[in-house]
Amino acid sequence: MPNTEEKSKSQQIREYYLENPERGLKEASIKFSTSELYCNKLRKQVRKRLKYGIEKKQVKPIESKENSSTFDQKGDKAEYTFYTPVRIVSVDDLVDACDIDLSNWDIERMICNKWEVGAKDKEGVISVTPLFQVKVWLKPKTPNLIVDFIKNTIEEMKAYSPKYPIINRPLKKDPTLFMIDIADPHFGKYASKIETGEDYNIEIAAKRYKEGFDGLLDKGSHYDHEKIVIIGGNDAAHIDNPFNTTTAGTRQDTDKMWHEILERLKWANIAIIERAASVADVLYVHNMSNHDFMLGYCLAQILEAWFHNSPNVKFDVTPQHRKYIQYGRNLIGQTHGDGAKEIDLPSCMAVEAKKAFSVSDYLYWYCKHVHHKIRNIKEGKKHIQLEKDGKGICVINTGLNLEAKDKFNVEYVRSISGTDRWHSTNAFQHSFIAMEGFIHHPEFGQVNRLTHLF
């Protein structure tokens, strides 16, 4: 609470501008050893008071310090009343006057009202006085259990992460990059066959995760991979908090709690990364996504900590929404698909990966989010759809023979997850359930697309 015997810095700055309303910000910031931004905030408040004729001199100061505040607590609620000679006309004024630390408190709700009262003086002149009511209801900030749990786990893993021996690999005669894009697994999603026509739960998700990854590695084993790129994130978890909702608060049908989902995802990903590292060096790329914006990011940090001592496994787990991988003459863009519109992706690539863009002939975007296959080619203003999943069918445009070179190739990747009640009710189902992989050659672009169907 504020010290009534010594004026706070904010009160001193207000008084300074009350007496010198036209003074600049630089002079005040030097005088009071604070930022120009903070001085500007207080100067605006003073000028607002002067505009309405509210001057500190008009308010009679509190003479008794003993009765300047009251505190009344009833059960788990308390009311604090604080008397100040400064007129309170905004929530910022109230926070400053009561010295409320917003790092420890959240403003749950507020009331800000203004009205005017008119009265005649002795000479019969009517003067109008503005009155203000400002109330706030506070609640203490609750500790973020998920973030604390993740931080502790990451620190433990860095301290005790296993030491993987370096694998020296021979030079490849005809090298390739194998990108396995695990799209929308939704660990923790629950679906019942009697309601949606198919079962889905964390056990099925984990089984498909392993089966699909192993299946793609086997299908692509006749290529000489110099690098395997694992695309993670992309709604790996179905929920993002203890309330079984997405990041935005949409309620979901789940079969496990958030910590059980995270634990299962951790071991599932460790297993596939170790499996991939036995074949080629690995790059794990995390895509931020809408169902598990925070939990998915934390999972990626845990995995990076686990492989802290593995020289053959690298990570790109920044929270950027769009990621880029350059491989030979390929420039590969990765995003979940819930952010930038498809029409804006080519210009995003040209600006955000300018150097790689200038030396790349084959330009690709891989998106997720929609849970079904769409493949488009863009050349200038020309937009051609080459492939699209329907209900139980995939329509492929075979009348065109378009070279991928010097064009933007945009592809949406199929999901391994089942259909929950909401999607079934709205008939967003019956697309192919699959995990997909894409093989890129450093000189010839994408040379193969592999699909493991479930």
Protein backbone atom coordinates (compact mmCIF):
# COMPACT_ATOMS: atom_id res chain seq x y z
CA MET A 1 0.00 0.00 0.00
CA PRO A 2 1.23 3.62 -0.57
CA ASN A 3 3.29 5.39 2.09
CA THR A 4 1.21 8.34 3.35
CA GLU A 5 4.31 10.07 4.80
CA GLU A 6 6.21 10.24 1.54
CA LYS A 7 4.83 11.14 -1.85
CA SER A 8 5.18 8.47 -4.48
CA LYS A 9 7.01 9.20 -7.71
CA SER A 10 3.71 9.14 -9.63
CA GLN A 11 2.23 11.80 -7.30
CA GLN A 12 5.34 13.98 -7.71
CA ILE A 13 5.14 13.77 -11.49
CA ARG A 14 1.42 14.58 -11.45
CA GLU A 15 2.02 17.66 -9.30
CA TYR A 16 4.87 18.71 -11.59
CA TYR A 17 2.59 18.60 -14.65
CA LEU A 18 -0.29 20.17 -12.73
CA GLU A 19 1.88 23.21 -12.17
CA ASN A 20 3.62 22.96 -15.55
CA PRO A 21 1.13 21.29 -17.95
CA GLU A 22 3.05 22.29 -21.08
CA ARG A 23 6.42 20.93 -19.98
CA GLY A 24 7.98 18.24 -22.16
CA LEU A 25 8.62 14.55 -21.49
CA LYS A 26 12.42 14.48 -21.70
CA GLU A 27 12.85 17.08 -18.96
CA ALA A 28 10.47 15.23 -16.62
CA SER A 29 12.04 11.83 -17.30
CA ILE A 30 15.49 13.21 -16.33
CA LYS A 31 14.15 15.06 -13.30
CA PHE A 32 12.36 12.03 -11.87
CA SER A 33 14.68 9.31 -13.24
CA THR A 34 11.99 7.44 -15.13
CA SER A 35 10.95 6.73 -18.71
CA GLU A 36 9.35 9.23 -21.09
CA LEU A 37 6.58 6.68 -21.70
CA TYR A 38 5.63 6.69 -18.01
CA CYS A 39 5.78 10.52 -17.84
CA ASN A 40 3.54 10.76 -20.91
CA LYS A 41 0.96 8.49 -19.27
CA LEU A 42 0.80 10.71 -16.15
CA ARG A 43 0.82 13.94 -18.18
CA LYS A 44 -2.23 12.73 -20.10
CA GLN A 45 -4.04 12.03 -16.81
CA VAL A 46 -3.25 15.54 -15.51
CA ARG A 47 -4.34 17.22 -18.73
CA LYS A 48 -7.58 15.24 -18.60
CA ARG A 49 -8.23 16.56 -15.08
CA LEU A 50 -7.46 20.11 -16.14
CA LYS A 51 -9.83 19.73 -19.08
CA TYR A 52 -12.68 18.85 -16.73
CA GLY A 53 -11.64 21.45 -14.15
CA ILE A 54 -10.48 18.81 -11.67
CA GLU A 55 -7.45 20.19 -9.85
CA LYS A 56 -5.84 18.66 -6.87
CA LYS A 57 -6.18 22.01 -5.02
CA GLN A 58 -9.98 21.73 -5.23
CA VAL A 59 -9.99 18.62 -3.05
CA LYS A 60 -9.66 18.99 0.67
CA PRO A 61 -6.79 16.80 1.90
CA ILE A 62 -7.27 14.16 4.54
CA GLU A 63 -6.06 15.55 7.84
CA SER A 64 -6.18 12.34 9.88
CA LYS A 65 -3.82 9.57 8.78
CA GLU A 66 -5.38 7.17 11.23
CA ASN A 67 -8.68 7.01 9.33
CA SER A 68 -7.21 7.10 5.81
CA SER A 69 -7.91 3.45 5.05
CA THR A 70 -10.08 0.52 6.13
CA PHE A 71 -9.79 -3.22 5.58
CA ASP A 72 -12.76 -5.57 6.00
CA GLN A 73 -12.44 -9.32 5.42
CA LYS A 74 -15.33 -11.79 5.28
CA GLY A 75 -14.38 -15.38 4.55
CA ASP A 76 -12.36 -15.56 1.32
CA LYS A 77 -13.33 -12.00 0.29
CA ALA A 78 -11.96 -8.68 1.52
CA GLU A 79 -12.68 -5.00 0.87
CA TYR A 80 -9.96 -2.36 1.08
CA THR A 81 -10.98 1.31 1.22
CA PHE A 82 -8.28 3.91 0.71
CA TYR A 83 -8.75 7.69 0.96
CA THR A 84 -6.53 9.91 -1.16
CA PRO A 85 -6.54 13.65 -1.94
CA VAL A 86 -6.01 12.84 -5.63
CA ARG A 87 -9.13 12.60 -7.78
CA ILE A 88 -9.51 9.10 -9.25
CA VAL A 89 -10.92 9.25 -12.77
CA SER A 90 -9.66 5.99 -14.32
CA VAL A 91 -8.62 2.45 -13.47
CA ASP A 92 -4.96 3.45 -13.98
CA ASP A 93 -5.40 6.20 -11.36
CA LEU A 94 -6.88 3.69 -8.92
CA VAL A 95 -4.10 1.15 -9.50
CA ASP A 96 -1.44 3.84 -8.96
CA ALA A 97 -3.08 5.38 -5.86
CA CYS A 98 -3.58 2.01 -4.15
CA ASP A 99 -0.17 0.74 -5.29
CA ILE A 100 -1.71 -2.44 -6.72
CA ASP A 101 0.88 -4.88 -8.05
CA LEU A 102 -0.70 -6.28 -11.24
CA SER A 103 1.95 -8.98 -11.38
CA ASN A 104 0.23 -10.51 -8.35
CA TRP A 105 -3.39 -9.49 -9.05
CA ASP A 106 -5.81 -9.82 -11.97
CA ILE A 107 -8.61 -7.30 -12.50
CA GLU A 108 -11.67 -9.54 -12.60
CA ARG A 109 -14.19 -6.79 -13.39
CA MET A 110 -14.51 -3.02 -13.14
CA ILE A 111 -16.98 -0.13 -13.05
CA CYS A 112 -16.11 3.31 -14.47
CA ASN A 113 -18.87 5.94 -14.42
CA LYS A 114 -18.93 9.71 -14.94
CA TRP A 115 -21.74 12.16 -14.29
CA GLU A 116 -22.07 15.89 -13.69
CA VAL A 117 -23.61 17.93 -10.85
CA GLY A 118 -24.65 21.57 -11.29
CA ALA A 119 -24.96 24.16 -8.50
CA LYS A 120 -25.35 27.94 -8.16
CA ASP A 121 -22.80 30.00 -6.31
CA LYS A 122 -23.58 33.12 -4.22
CA GLU A 123 -23.66 35.25 -7.33
CA GLY A 124 -26.15 32.93 -9.05
CA VAL A 125 -23.64 31.53 -11.52
CA ILE A 126 -24.15 27.85 -12.29
CA SER A 127 -21.00 25.74 -12.13
CA VAL A 128 -20.83 22.15 -13.30
CA THR A 129 -18.61 19.65 -11.48
CA PRO A 130 -17.81 16.23 -13.01
CA LEU A 131 -17.97 13.27 -10.63
CA PHE A 132 -16.42 9.88 -11.19
CA GLN A 133 -16.97 6.38 -9.83
CA VAL A 134 -14.16 3.86 -10.32
CA LYS A 135 -14.32 0.37 -8.80
CA VAL A 136 -12.27 -2.72 -9.46
CA TRP A 137 -12.61 -6.29 -8.25
CA LEU A 138 -9.33 -8.13 -7.94
CA LYS A 139 -8.40 -11.76 -7.64
CA PRO A 140 -4.94 -13.13 -6.91
CA LYS A 141 -3.09 -14.57 -9.88
CA THR A 142 -3.13 -18.35 -9.73
CA PRO A 143 0.12 -20.21 -10.40
CA ASN A 144 0.30 -21.78 -13.84
CA LEU A 145 0.53 -25.43 -12.92
CA ILE A 146 1.28 -26.57 -16.47
CA VAL A 147 4.14 -24.10 -17.02
CA ASP A 148 5.67 -24.89 -13.61
CA PHE A 149 5.41 -28.62 -14.32
CA ILE A 150 7.07 -28.22 -17.72
CA LYS A 151 9.87 -25.99 -16.41
CA ASN A 152 10.75 -28.49 -13.72
CA THR A 153 10.66 -31.37 -16.20
CA ILE A 154 12.93 -29.55 -18.66
CA GLU A 155 15.51 -28.73 -15.99
CA GLU A 156 15.51 -32.34 -14.79
CA MET A 157 15.94 -33.64 -18.33
CA LYS A 158 18.83 -31.33 -19.13
CA ALA A 159 20.59 -32.51 -15.97
CA TYR A 160 19.97 -36.20 -16.54
CA SER A 161 19.39 -36.46 -20.30
CA PRO A 162 20.87 -39.64 -21.76
CA LYS A 163 24.15 -39.34 -23.62
CA TYR A 164 23.73 -40.65 -27.16
CA PRO A 165 26.92 -41.69 -28.96
CA ILE A 166 27.76 -39.78 -32.12
CA ILE A 167 26.95 -41.67 -35.32
CA ASN A 168 29.44 -41.05 -38.13
CA ARG A 169 27.68 -41.62 -41.43
CA PRO A 170 29.29 -42.11 -44.87
CA LEU A 171 28.70 -39.54 -47.61
CA LYS A 172 25.59 -40.27 -49.68
CA LYS A 173 25.94 -40.83 -53.42
CA ASP A 174 22.40 -39.71 -54.21
CA PRO A 175 21.16 -38.02 -51.00
CA THR A 176 17.57 -37.16 -50.14
CA LEU A 177 15.65 -35.46 -47.37
CA PHE A 178 12.75 -37.46 -45.94
CA MET A 179 10.13 -35.29 -44.24
CA ILE A 180 7.59 -37.15 -42.10
CA ASP A 181 4.70 -34.80 -41.35
CA ILE A 182 2.67 -36.07 -38.38
CA ALA A 183 -0.46 -33.99 -38.85
CA ASP A 184 -3.12 -33.45 -36.18
CA PRO A 185 -2.78 -36.57 -34.00
CA HIS A 186 -4.95 -35.05 -31.23
CA PHE A 187 -3.77 -37.21 -28.34
CA GLY A 188 -6.56 -37.26 -25.76
CA LYS A 189 -9.45 -36.87 -28.23
CA TYR A 190 -12.36 -39.18 -27.43
CA ALA A 191 -14.82 -40.63 -29.93
CA SER A 192 -17.25 -43.53 -29.52
CA LYS A 193 -18.18 -45.79 -32.41
CA ILE A 194 -21.85 -45.90 -31.42
CA GLU A 195 -21.98 -42.10 -31.75
CA THR A 196 -19.54 -41.21 -34.53
CA GLY A 197 -19.05 -44.48 -36.39
CA GLU A 198 -15.47 -44.94 -35.19
CA ASP A 199 -13.57 -45.20 -31.91
CA TYR A 200 -10.71 -42.87 -31.08
CA ASN A 201 -8.76 -42.45 -27.85
CA ILE A 202 -5.21 -42.05 -26.62
CA GLU A 203 -4.41 -45.75 -27.07
CA ILE A 204 -5.45 -45.67 -30.73
CA ALA A 205 -3.53 -42.40 -31.24
CA ALA A 206 -0.33 -43.86 -29.77
CA LYS A 207 -0.66 -47.03 -31.85
CA ARG A 208 -1.15 -45.09 -35.10
CA TYR A 209 1.72 -42.76 -34.19
CA LYS A 210 4.19 -45.63 -34.04
CA GLU A 211 2.67 -47.75 -36.80
CA GLY A 212 2.48 -44.84 -39.26
CA PHE A 213 6.02 -43.66 -38.58
CA ASP A 214 7.53 -47.13 -38.87
CA GLY A 215 5.46 -47.77 -41.99
CA LEU A 216 6.72 -44.62 -43.71
CA LEU A 217 10.34 -45.38 -42.82
CA ASP A 218 9.94 -48.85 -44.36
CA LYS A 219 8.27 -47.46 -47.50
CA GLY A 220 11.07 -44.96 -48.01
CA SER A 221 13.94 -47.29 -47.12
CA HIS A 222 15.18 -47.68 -50.70
CA TYR A 223 16.19 -44.00 -50.78
CA ASP A 224 19.57 -42.86 -49.43
CA HIS A 225 18.40 -40.32 -46.82
CA GLU A 226 20.95 -37.87 -45.45
CA LYS A 227 18.39 -36.20 -43.21
CA ILE A 228 15.00 -37.06 -41.73
CA VAL A 229 12.81 -34.10 -40.80
CA ILE A 230 10.08 -34.84 -38.26
CA ILE A 231 7.30 -32.27 -38.19
CA GLY A 232 5.79 -32.14 -34.70
CA GLY A 233 3.21 -30.00 -32.94
CA ASN A 234 0.16 -29.48 -35.15
CA ASP A 235 -2.44 -30.25 -32.47
CA ALA A 236 -0.38 -33.05 -30.97
CA ALA A 237 -2.53 -32.67 -27.85
CA HIS A 238 -6.30 -32.27 -28.07
CA ILE A 239 -6.49 -29.85 -25.13
CA ASP A 240 -4.30 -27.15 -23.61
CA ASN A 241 -5.23 -26.93 -19.90
CA PRO A 242 -6.79 -28.70 -16.88
CA PHE A 243 -10.27 -27.61 -18.00
CA ASN A 244 -10.27 -29.85 -21.10
CA THR A 245 -10.48 -26.95 -23.55
CA THR A 246 -8.42 -25.76 -26.48
CA THR A 247 -6.20 -22.71 -26.12
CA ALA A 248 -9.14 -20.47 -27.04
CA GLY A 249 -11.43 -22.16 -24.49
CA THR A 250 -13.48 -24.50 -26.71
CA ARG A 251 -14.65 -27.52 -24.69
CA GLN A 252 -13.48 -30.91 -26.01
CA ASP A 253 -14.40 -34.58 -25.52
CA THR A 254 -11.35 -36.20 -23.93
CA ASP A 255 -10.39 -39.54 -22.42
CA LYS A 256 -7.37 -38.36 -20.39
CA MET A 257 -6.16 -35.44 -18.31
CA TRP A 258 -3.62 -32.94 -19.70
CA HIS A 259 -0.65 -34.39 -17.77
CA GLU A 260 -1.43 -37.93 -18.95
CA ILE A 261 -1.61 -36.68 -22.56
CA LEU A 262 1.71 -34.87 -22.21
CA GLU A 263 3.40 -37.92 -20.70
CA ARG A 264 2.15 -40.20 -23.49
CA LEU A 265 3.24 -37.75 -26.18
CA LYS A 266 6.67 -37.42 -24.62
CA TRP A 267 7.43 -41.15 -24.81
CA ALA A 268 5.80 -41.55 -28.24
CA ASN A 269 8.03 -38.82 -29.69
CA ILE A 270 11.20 -40.02 -27.98
CA ALA A 271 10.62 -43.43 -29.56
CA ILE A 272 10.19 -42.14 -33.13
CA ILE A 273 13.13 -39.73 -32.88
CA GLU A 274 15.40 -42.56 -31.71
CA ARG A 275 14.07 -44.76 -34.52
CA ALA A 276 14.73 -42.05 -37.13
CA ALA A 277 18.22 -41.31 -35.76
CA SER A 278 19.17 -44.91 -36.43
CA VAL A 279 18.59 -44.22 -40.15
CA ALA A 280 19.84 -40.64 -40.66
CA ASP A 281 20.50 -37.39 -38.86
CA VAL A 282 17.28 -35.86 -37.56
CA LEU A 283 15.80 -32.37 -37.53
CA TYR A 284 12.69 -32.00 -35.36
CA VAL A 285 10.55 -28.98 -36.31
CA HIS A 286 7.70 -27.82 -34.08
CA ASN A 287 4.60 -26.15 -35.56
CA MET A 288 2.51 -23.99 -33.21
CA SER A 289 -1.19 -24.88 -33.39
CA ASN A 290 -4.62 -23.86 -32.15
CA HIS A 291 -5.62 -26.81 -29.93
CA ASP A 292 -2.42 -26.94 -27.84
CA PHE A 293 -0.61 -23.66 -28.40
CA MET A 294 1.07 -23.83 -24.99
CA LEU A 295 1.16 -27.56 -24.22
CA GLY A 296 2.52 -28.42 -27.66
CA TYR A 297 5.28 -25.85 -27.31
CA CYS A 298 6.17 -27.21 -23.87
CA LEU A 299 6.32 -30.74 -25.31
CA ALA A 300 8.80 -29.55 -27.94
CA GLN A 301 10.99 -27.98 -25.25
CA ILE A 302 10.94 -31.25 -23.27
CA LEU A 303 12.04 -33.23 -26.33
CA GLU A 304 14.89 -30.82 -27.05
CA ALA A 305 16.03 -31.15 -23.42
CA TRP A 306 15.85 -34.96 -23.62
CA PHE A 307 18.11 -35.05 -26.70
CA HIS A 308 20.39 -32.37 -25.28
CA ASN A 309 23.34 -34.76 -25.52
CA SER A 310 22.54 -36.22 -28.95
CA PRO A 311 24.85 -34.76 -31.64
CA ASN A 312 22.81 -36.34 -34.47
CA VAL A 313 19.48 -34.76 -33.49
CA LYS A 314 18.76 -31.05 -33.98
CA PHE A 315 15.68 -29.00 -33.13
CA ASP A 316 13.75 -25.98 -34.39
CA VAL A 317 11.27 -25.46 -31.56
CA THR A 318 10.85 -21.68 -31.56
CA PRO A 319 7.28 -20.34 -31.19
CA GLN A 320 7.28 -18.88 -34.71
CA HIS A 321 4.12 -19.76 -36.61
CA ARG A 322 5.89 -20.28 -39.94
CA LYS A 323 9.14 -22.22 -40.33
CA TYR A 324 11.45 -22.66 -43.32
CA ILE A 325 13.80 -25.49 -44.33
CA GLN A 326 16.25 -25.06 -47.18
CA TYR A 327 17.54 -28.19 -48.82
CA GLY A 328 19.55 -27.79 -52.01
CA ARG A 329 17.28 -26.00 -54.49
CA ASN A 330 14.22 -26.68 -52.30
CA LEU A 331 12.66 -24.14 -49.94
CA ILE A 332 10.09 -25.84 -47.72
CA GLY A 333 7.62 -23.78 -45.68
CA GLN A 334 5.88 -25.30 -42.69
CA THR A 335 2.81 -23.98 -40.85
CA HIS A 336 -0.18 -25.47 -39.08
CA GLY A 337 -2.69 -23.74 -41.33
CA ASP A 338 -4.77 -21.84 -38.79
CA GLY A 339 -2.89 -18.55 -39.22
CA ALA A 340 -1.97 -16.87 -42.50
CA LYS A 341 -4.34 -17.39 -45.40
CA GLU A 342 -3.14 -19.60 -48.23
CA ILE A 343 -3.16 -16.67 -50.65
CA ASP A 344 -0.61 -14.87 -48.43
CA LEU A 345 1.82 -17.77 -47.97
CA PRO A 346 3.89 -17.14 -51.14
CA SER A 347 4.56 -13.50 -50.20
CA CYS A 348 5.33 -14.53 -46.59
CA MET A 349 7.95 -16.96 -47.89
CA ALA A 350 9.49 -14.38 -50.21
CA VAL A 351 9.89 -11.87 -47.36
CA GLU A 352 10.57 -14.08 -44.33
CA ALA A 353 13.08 -16.39 -46.07
CA LYS A 354 14.44 -13.88 -48.53
CA LYS A 355 17.97 -15.29 -48.91
CA ALA A 356 16.87 -18.92 -49.32
CA PHE A 357 14.02 -17.85 -51.62
CA SER A 358 16.44 -16.14 -54.00
CA VAL A 359 18.42 -19.35 -54.64
CA SER A 360 15.56 -21.90 -54.63
CA ASP A 361 13.78 -23.26 -57.71
CA TYR A 362 11.32 -25.54 -55.89
CA LEU A 363 8.98 -23.79 -53.44
CA TYR A 364 6.70 -25.80 -51.15
CA TRP A 365 4.23 -25.07 -48.37
CA TYR A 366 2.98 -27.91 -46.16
CA CYS A 367 -0.12 -27.10 -44.08
CA LYS A 368 -2.28 -29.14 -41.71
CA HIS A 369 -5.41 -28.17 -39.72
CA VAL A 370 -8.14 -29.28 -42.18
CA HIS A 371 -7.51 -33.05 -41.70
CA HIS A 372 -7.79 -33.89 -45.41
CA LYS A 373 -5.73 -33.67 -48.59
CA ILE A 374 -5.69 -30.55 -50.73
CA ARG A 375 -2.89 -29.86 -53.21
CA ASN A 376 -2.68 -26.65 -55.19
CA ILE A 377 -0.17 -25.03 -57.52
CA LYS A 378 0.13 -21.26 -57.80
CA GLU A 379 1.82 -19.48 -60.67
CA GLY A 380 1.30 -15.73 -60.68
CA LYS A 381 -2.46 -15.20 -60.49
CA LYS A 382 -3.14 -18.73 -61.73
CA HIS A 383 -4.47 -21.11 -59.05
CA ILE A 384 -4.84 -24.78 -60.03
CA GLN A 385 -6.13 -27.54 -57.75
CA LEU A 386 -4.38 -30.81 -58.44
CA GLU A 387 -5.84 -33.01 -55.69
CA LYS A 388 -8.60 -32.93 -53.06
CA ASP A 389 -10.07 -35.48 -50.67
CA GLY A 390 -13.83 -35.89 -50.62
CA LYS A 391 -15.95 -38.25 -48.52
CA GLY A 392 -14.34 -41.64 -49.15
CA ILE A 393 -12.69 -40.50 -52.36
CA CYS A 394 -9.69 -38.49 -53.54
CA VAL A 395 -10.16 -36.48 -56.73
CA ILE A 396 -6.93 -36.02 -58.72
CA ASN A 397 -6.67 -33.72 -61.72
CA THR A 398 -4.85 -35.84 -64.29
CA GLY A 399 -5.45 -33.55 -67.26
CA LEU A 400 -2.49 -31.36 -66.38
CA ASN A 401 1.21 -31.99 -66.40
CA LEU A 402 2.58 -29.12 -64.35
CA GLU A 403 6.26 -28.93 -63.56
CA ALA A 404 6.76 -28.01 -59.90
CA LYS A 405 9.76 -25.83 -60.68
CA ASP A 406 9.37 -22.05 -60.25
CA LYS A 407 5.85 -22.42 -58.84
CA PHE A 408 4.38 -22.34 -55.35
CA ASN A 409 3.23 -25.81 -54.34
CA VAL A 410 0.78 -25.79 -51.41
CA GLU A 411 -0.20 -29.10 -49.85
CA TYR A 412 -2.48 -29.87 -46.89
CA VAL A 413 -1.53 -33.07 -45.07
CA ARG A 414 -3.91 -35.82 -43.94
CA SER A 415 -4.49 -36.48 -40.23
CA ILE A 416 -4.13 -39.69 -38.21
CA SER A 417 -6.96 -38.77 -35.81
CA GLY A 418 -10.52 -40.04 -35.70
CA THR A 419 -13.76 -38.05 -35.78
CA ASP A 420 -15.25 -36.72 -32.55
CA ARG A 421 -18.92 -35.97 -31.88
CA TRP A 422 -18.92 -32.34 -33.07
CA HIS A 423 -17.23 -33.12 -36.40
CA SER A 424 -19.45 -36.14 -36.94
CA THR A 425 -22.60 -34.12 -36.24
CA ASN A 426 -21.55 -31.56 -38.84
CA ALA A 427 -20.49 -34.28 -41.34
CA PHE A 428 -16.82 -33.26 -41.30
CA GLN A 429 -15.66 -36.84 -41.71
CA HIS A 430 -15.02 -39.78 -44.08
CA SER A 431 -11.72 -38.40 -45.42
CA PHE A 432 -8.75 -40.73 -45.56
CA ILE A 433 -7.02 -41.27 -42.20
CA ALA A 434 -3.29 -41.42 -42.84
CA MET A 435 0.25 -40.34 -41.98
CA GLU A 436 2.23 -38.87 -44.86
CA GLY A 437 5.88 -38.44 -45.78
CA PHE A 438 7.57 -36.45 -48.54
CA ILE A 439 10.94 -37.15 -50.15
CA HIS A 440 12.92 -34.22 -51.56
CA HIS A 441 15.97 -34.38 -53.79
CA PRO A 442 18.44 -31.48 -53.52
CA GLU A 443 18.39 -30.92 -57.30
CA PHE A 444 14.96 -32.12 -58.44
CA GLY A 445 12.56 -31.06 -55.68
CA GLN A 446 9.86 -33.36 -54.33
CA VAL A 447 10.44 -36.75 -55.93
CA ASN A 448 8.01 -38.92 -53.97
CA ARG A 449 5.02 -38.72 -51.62
CA LEU A 450 4.38 -41.68 -49.31
CA THR A 451 1.13 -42.45 -47.51
CA HIS A 452 0.46 -44.89 -44.67
CA LEU A 453 -3.29 -45.45 -44.51
CA PHE A 454 -5.14 -46.68 -41.41
